[in-house]
Amino acid sequence: MPAGRYFRALTVFDLMGNFFPGIVLVTALLVTLSSPPFPSSPGEYLLAGIAALSLGHFV
C-alpha cells in the first residue's frame, strides 16, 4: 500500500506548513465575500479543512 507509507511519512511540520497558509487563504476569502458560505455540518467542516490543506500546498 503506497498510500499508507505516504501518510506515515508526513510530519507535523509538513501538515502545519501546508495547513496554516491554507487557513489564512480560506479566512481571507470568507472575510472578503459579501455573504460567505460558513460550514454548518461536520462534513462541510471536513471539506473546508481539505480545501485549506490543498490551497496551502499550492502556496
PDB file of N, CA and C in Angstrom:
ATOM      1  N   MET A   1       0.830  -1.187   0.000  1.00  0.00           N
ATOM      2  CA  MET A   1       0.000   0.000   0.000  1.00  0.00           C
ATOM      3  C   MET A   1       0.879   1.257   0.000  1.00  0.00           C
ATOM      4  N   PRO A   2       1.100   1.867  -1.129  1.00  0.00           N
ATOM      5  CA  PRO A   2       1.919   3.070  -1.161  1.00  0.00           C
ATOM      6  C   PRO A   2       1.272   4.237  -0.420  1.00  0.00           C
ATOM      7  N   ALA A   3      -0.053   4.317  -0.420  1.00  0.00           N
ATOM      8  CA  ALA A   3      -0.718   5.432   0.268  1.00  0.00           C
ATOM      9  C   ALA A   3      -0.459   5.365   1.767  1.00  0.00           C
ATOM     10  N   GLY A   4      -0.440   4.177   2.340  1.00  0.00           N
ATOM     11  CA  GLY A   4      -0.157   4.028   3.764  1.00  0.00           C
ATOM     12  C   GLY A   4       1.243   4.477   4.118  1.00  0.00           C
ATOM     13  N   ARG A   5       2.196   4.173   3.262  1.00  0.00           N
ATOM     14  CA  ARG A   5       3.568   4.623   3.506  1.00  0.00           C
ATOM     15  C   ARG A   5       3.683   6.132   3.386  1.00  0.00           C
ATOM     16  N   TYR A   6       2.928   6.725   2.471  1.00  0.00           N
ATOM     17  CA  TYR A   6       2.979   8.181   2.292  1.00  0.00           C
ATOM     18  C   TYR A   6       2.459   8.894   3.534  1.00  0.00           C
ATOM     19  N   PHE A   7       1.343   8.439   4.070  1.00  0.00           N
ATOM     20  CA  PHE A   7       0.763   9.122   5.225  1.00  0.00           C
ATOM     21  C   PHE A   7       1.588   8.909   6.491  1.00  0.00           C
ATOM     22  N   ARG A   8       2.310   7.807   6.604  1.00  0.00           N
ATOM     23  CA  ARG A   8       3.190   7.618   7.754  1.00  0.00           C
ATOM     24  C   ARG A   8       4.396   8.531   7.681  1.00  0.00           C
ATOM     25  N   ALA A   9       4.773   8.943   6.469  1.00  0.00           N
ATOM     26  CA  ALA A   9       5.946   9.790   6.295  1.00  0.00           C
ATOM     27  C   ALA A   9       5.638  11.262   6.575  1.00  0.00           C
ATOM     28  N   LEU A  10       4.365  11.637   6.653  1.00  0.00           N
ATOM     29  CA  LEU A  10       4.014  13.032   6.927  1.00  0.00           C
ATOM     30  C   LEU A  10       4.350  13.379   8.370  1.00  0.00           C
ATOM     31  N   THR A  11       4.914  14.544   8.565  1.00  0.00           N
ATOM     32  CA  THR A  11       5.226  15.013   9.910  1.00  0.00           C
ATOM     33  C   THR A  11       4.311  16.172  10.254  1.00  0.00           C
ATOM     34  N   VAL A  12       4.352  16.582  11.503  1.00  0.00           N
ATOM     35  CA  VAL A  12       3.559  17.732  11.935  1.00  0.00           C
ATOM     36  C   VAL A  12       4.001  18.975  11.173  1.00  0.00           C
ATOM     37  N   PHE A  13       5.294  19.096  10.915  1.00  0.00           N
ATOM     38  CA  PHE A  13       5.801  20.242  10.160  1.00  0.00           C
ATOM     39  C   PHE A  13       5.225  20.265   8.747  1.00  0.00           C
ATOM     40  N   ASP A  14       5.123  19.105   8.102  1.00  0.00           N
ATOM     41  CA  ASP A  14       4.543  19.036   6.757  1.00  0.00           C
ATOM     42  C   ASP A  14       3.082  19.468   6.769  1.00  0.00           C
ATOM     43  N   LEU A  15       2.335  18.960   7.738  1.00  0.00           N
ATOM     44  CA  LEU A  15       0.918  19.294   7.800  1.00  0.00           C
ATOM     45  C   LEU A  15       0.693  20.761   8.129  1.00  0.00           C
ATOM     46  N   MET A  16       1.405  21.278   9.115  1.00  0.00           N
ATOM     47  CA  MET A  16       1.212  22.672   9.513  1.00  0.00           C
ATOM     48  C   MET A  16       1.765  23.638   8.465  1.00  0.00           C
ATOM     49  N   GLY A  17       2.821  23.235   7.774  1.00  0.00           N
ATOM     50  CA  GLY A  17       3.377  24.078   6.725  1.00  0.00           C
ATOM     51  C   GLY A  17       2.431  24.253   5.556  1.00  0.00           C
ATOM     52  N   ASN A  18       1.525  23.317   5.357  1.00  0.00           N
ATOM     53  CA  ASN A  18       0.516  23.434   4.310  1.00  0.00           C
ATOM     54  C   ASN A  18      -0.817  23.922   4.862  1.00  0.00           C
ATOM     55  N   PHE A  19      -1.117  23.573   6.095  1.00  0.00           N
ATOM     56  CA  PHE A  19      -2.439  23.868   6.642  1.00  0.00           C
ATOM     57  C   PHE A  19      -2.585  25.336   7.047  1.00  0.00           C
ATOM     58  N   PHE A  20      -1.573  25.919   7.685  1.00  0.00           N
ATOM     59  CA  PHE A  20      -1.682  27.309   8.134  1.00  0.00           C
ATOM     60  C   PHE A  20      -1.826  28.300   6.985  1.00  0.00           C
ATOM     61  N   PRO A  21      -1.033  28.206   5.903  1.00  0.00           N
ATOM     62  CA  PRO A  21      -1.275  29.123   4.784  1.00  0.00           C
ATOM     63  C   PRO A  21      -2.658  28.928   4.162  1.00  0.00           C
ATOM     64  N   GLY A  22      -3.135  27.699   4.138  1.00  0.00           N
ATOM     65  CA  GLY A  22      -4.473  27.435   3.614  1.00  0.00           C
ATOM     66  C   GLY A  22      -5.555  28.046   4.478  1.00  0.00           C
ATOM     67  N   ILE A  23      -5.381  27.982   5.800  1.00  0.00           N
ATOM     68  CA  ILE A  23      -6.345  28.608   6.706  1.00  0.00           C
ATOM     69  C   ILE A  23      -6.378  30.112   6.473  1.00  0.00           C
ATOM     70  N   VAL A  24      -5.206  30.708   6.269  1.00  0.00           N
ATOM     71  CA  VAL A  24      -5.142  32.148   6.007  1.00  0.00           C
ATOM     72  C   VAL A  24      -5.884  32.485   4.716  1.00  0.00           C
ATOM     73  N   LEU A  25      -5.690  31.687   3.667  1.00  0.00           N
ATOM     74  CA  LEU A  25      -6.382  31.944   2.404  1.00  0.00           C
ATOM     75  C   LEU A  25      -7.889  31.764   2.522  1.00  0.00           C
ATOM     76  N   VAL A  26      -8.332  30.701   3.167  1.00  0.00           N
ATOM     77  CA  VAL A  26      -9.770  30.464   3.321  1.00  0.00           C
ATOM     78  C   VAL A  26     -10.395  31.563   4.174  1.00  0.00           C
ATOM     79  N   THR A  27      -9.714  31.989   5.234  1.00  0.00           N
ATOM     80  CA  THR A  27     -10.220  33.072   6.075  1.00  0.00           C
ATOM     81  C   THR A  27     -10.291  34.374   5.287  1.00  0.00           C
ATOM     82  N   ALA A  28      -9.281  34.649   4.475  1.00  0.00           N
ATOM     83  CA  ALA A  28      -9.298  35.861   3.651  1.00  0.00           C
ATOM     84  C   ALA A  28     -10.461  35.832   2.664  1.00  0.00           C
ATOM     85  N   LEU A  29     -10.734  34.672   2.088  1.00  0.00           N
ATOM     86  CA  LEU A  29     -11.875  34.565   1.182  1.00  0.00           C
ATOM     87  C   LEU A  29     -13.193  34.780   1.911  1.00  0.00           C
ATOM     88  N   LEU A  30     -13.320  34.218   3.109  1.00  0.00           N
ATOM     89  CA  LEU A  30     -14.557  34.381   3.869  1.00  0.00           C
ATOM     90  C   LEU A  30     -14.770  35.827   4.294  1.00  0.00           C
ATOM     91  N   VAL A  31     -13.688  36.537   4.599  1.00  0.00           N
ATOM     92  CA  VAL A  31     -13.804  37.929   5.034  1.00  0.00           C
ATOM     93  C   VAL A  31     -14.153  38.832   3.858  1.00  0.00           C
ATOM     94  N   THR A  32     -13.603  38.554   2.681  1.00  0.00           N
ATOM     95  CA  THR A  32     -13.821  39.440   1.540  1.00  0.00           C
ATOM     96  C   THR A  32     -15.148  39.210   0.832  1.00  0.00           C
ATOM     97  N   LEU A  33     -15.732  38.049   0.948  1.00  0.00           N
ATOM     98  CA  LEU A  33     -17.023  37.794   0.308  1.00  0.00           C
ATOM     99  C   LEU A  33     -18.138  38.489   1.075  1.00  0.00           C
ATOM    100  N   SER A  34     -19.154  38.957   0.338  1.00  0.00           N
ATOM    101  CA  SER A  34     -20.240  39.683   0.998  1.00  0.00           C
ATOM    102  C   SER A  34     -21.127  38.757   1.830  1.00  0.00           C
ATOM    103  N   SER A  35     -21.425  37.573   1.326  1.00  0.00           N
ATOM    104  CA  SER A  35     -22.213  36.607   2.101  1.00  0.00           C
ATOM    105  C   SER A  35     -21.525  35.246   2.019  1.00  0.00           C
ATOM    106  N   PRO A  36     -20.511  35.038   2.859  1.00  0.00           N
ATOM    107  CA  PRO A  36     -19.730  33.801   2.759  1.00  0.00           C
ATOM    108  C   PRO A  36     -20.523  32.579   3.206  1.00  0.00           C
ATOM    109  N   PRO A  37     -20.272  31.439   2.571  1.00  0.00           N
ATOM    110  CA  PRO A  37     -20.944  30.191   2.960  1.00  0.00           C
ATOM    111  C   PRO A  37     -20.220  29.515   4.126  1.00  0.00           C
ATOM    112  N   PHE A  38     -20.593  29.852   5.349  1.00  0.00           N
ATOM    113  CA  PHE A  38     -19.965  29.236   6.516  1.00  0.00           C
ATOM    114  C   PHE A  38     -20.416  27.784   6.648  1.00  0.00           C
ATOM    115  N   PRO A  39     -19.504  26.882   6.997  1.00  0.00           N
ATOM    116  CA  PRO A  39     -19.874  25.469   7.176  1.00  0.00           C
ATOM    117  C   PRO A  39     -20.856  25.304   8.338  1.00  0.00           C
ATOM    118  N   SER A  40     -21.804  24.385   8.158  1.00  0.00           N
ATOM    119  CA  SER A  40     -22.787  24.168   9.215  1.00  0.00           C
ATOM    120  C   SER A  40     -22.829  22.718   9.696  1.00  0.00           C
ATOM    121  N   SER A  41     -22.243  21.804   8.955  1.00  0.00           N
ATOM    122  CA  SER A  41     -22.249  20.399   9.367  1.00  0.00           C
ATOM    123  C   SER A  41     -20.807  19.889   9.449  1.00  0.00           C
ATOM    124  N   PRO A  42     -20.596  18.775  10.135  1.00  0.00           N
ATOM    125  CA  PRO A  42     -19.229  18.228  10.235  1.00  0.00           C
ATOM    126  C   PRO A  42     -18.613  17.906   8.873  1.00  0.00           C
ATOM    127  N   GLY A  43     -19.421  17.467   7.933  1.00  0.00           N
ATOM    128  CA  GLY A  43     -18.908  17.180   6.597  1.00  0.00           C
ATOM    129  C   GLY A  43     -18.412  18.427   5.888  1.00  0.00           C
ATOM    130  N   GLU A  44     -19.119  19.532   6.085  1.00  0.00           N
ATOM    131  CA  GLU A  44     -18.691  20.791   5.475  1.00  0.00           C
ATOM    132  C   GLU A  44     -17.409  21.302   6.123  1.00  0.00           C
ATOM    133  N   TYR A  45     -17.261  21.101   7.430  1.00  0.00           N
ATOM    134  CA  TYR A  45     -16.006  21.471   8.096  1.00  0.00           C
ATOM    135  C   TYR A  45     -14.848  20.620   7.578  1.00  0.00           C
ATOM    136  N   LEU A  46     -15.096  19.343   7.332  1.00  0.00           N
ATOM    137  CA  LEU A  46     -14.067  18.464   6.783  1.00  0.00           C
ATOM    138  C   LEU A  46     -13.655  18.927   5.386  1.00  0.00           C
ATOM    139  N   LEU A  47     -14.633  19.271   4.551  1.00  0.00           N
ATOM    140  CA  LEU A  47     -14.318  19.760   3.210  1.00  0.00           C
ATOM    141  C   LEU A  47     -13.571  21.087   3.257  1.00  0.00           C
ATOM    142  N   ALA A  48     -13.933  21.968   4.189  1.00  0.00           N
ATOM    143  CA  ALA A  48     -13.214  23.239   4.337  1.00  0.00           C
ATOM    144  C   ALA A  48     -11.772  22.983   4.769  1.00  0.00           C
ATOM    145  N   GLY A  49     -11.560  22.015   5.648  1.00  0.00           N
ATOM    146  CA  GLY A  49     -10.201  21.665   6.065  1.00  0.00           C
ATOM    147  C   GLY A  49      -9.382  21.084   4.926  1.00  0.00           C
ATOM    148  N   ILE A  50     -10.010  20.240   4.118  1.00  0.00           N
ATOM    149  CA  ILE A  50      -9.316  19.675   2.958  1.00  0.00           C
ATOM    150  C   ILE A  50      -8.984  20.771   1.953  1.00  0.00           C
ATOM    151  N   ALA A  51      -9.921  21.703   1.749  1.00  0.00           N
ATOM    152  CA  ALA A  51      -9.660  22.823   0.840  1.00  0.00           C
ATOM    153  C   ALA A  51      -8.522  23.689   1.366  1.00  0.00           C
ATOM    154  N   ALA A  52      -8.494  23.935   2.670  1.00  0.00           N
ATOM    155  CA  ALA A  52      -7.420  24.742   3.258  1.00  0.00           C
ATOM    156  C   ALA A  52      -6.072  24.043   3.099  1.00  0.00           C
ATOM    157  N   LEU A  53      -6.035  22.741   3.315  1.00  0.00           N
ATOM    158  CA  LEU A  53      -4.785  21.986   3.154  1.00  0.00           C
ATOM    159  C   LEU A  53      -4.324  22.009   1.698  1.00  0.00           C
ATOM    160  N   SER A  54      -5.271  21.879   0.768  1.00  0.00           N
ATOM    161  CA  SER A  54      -4.926  21.896  -0.651  1.00  0.00           C
ATOM    162  C   SER A  54      -4.442  23.269  -1.094  1.00  0.00           C
ATOM    163  N   LEU A  55      -5.136  24.325  -0.669  1.00  0.00           N
ATOM    164  CA  LEU A  55      -4.705  25.680  -1.025  1.00  0.00           C
ATOM    165  C   LEU A  55      -3.339  25.996  -0.429  1.00  0.00           C
ATOM    166  N   GLY A  56      -3.109  25.572   0.791  1.00  0.00           N
ATOM    167  CA  GLY A  56      -1.811  25.794   1.416  1.00  0.00           C
ATOM    168  C   GLY A  56      -0.691  25.067   0.703  1.00  0.00           C
ATOM    169  N   HIS A  57      -1.006  23.930   0.114  1.00  0.00           N
ATOM    170  CA  HIS A  57       0.006  23.185  -0.634  1.00  0.00           C
ATOM    171  C   HIS A  57       0.444  23.962  -1.874  1.00  0.00           C
ATOM    172  N   PHE A  58      -0.492  24.646  -2.526  1.00  0.00           N
ATOM    173  CA  PHE A  58      -0.166  25.397  -3.739  1.00  0.00           C
ATOM    174  C   PHE A  58       0.519  26.720  -3.443  1.00  0.00           C
ATOM    175  N   VAL A  59       0.346  27.230  -2.223  1.00  0.00           N
ATOM    176  CA  VAL A  59       1.019  28.483  -1.851  1.00  0.00           C
ATOM    177  C   VAL A  59       2.446  28.155  -1.560  1.00  0.00           C
TER     178      VAL A  59
END
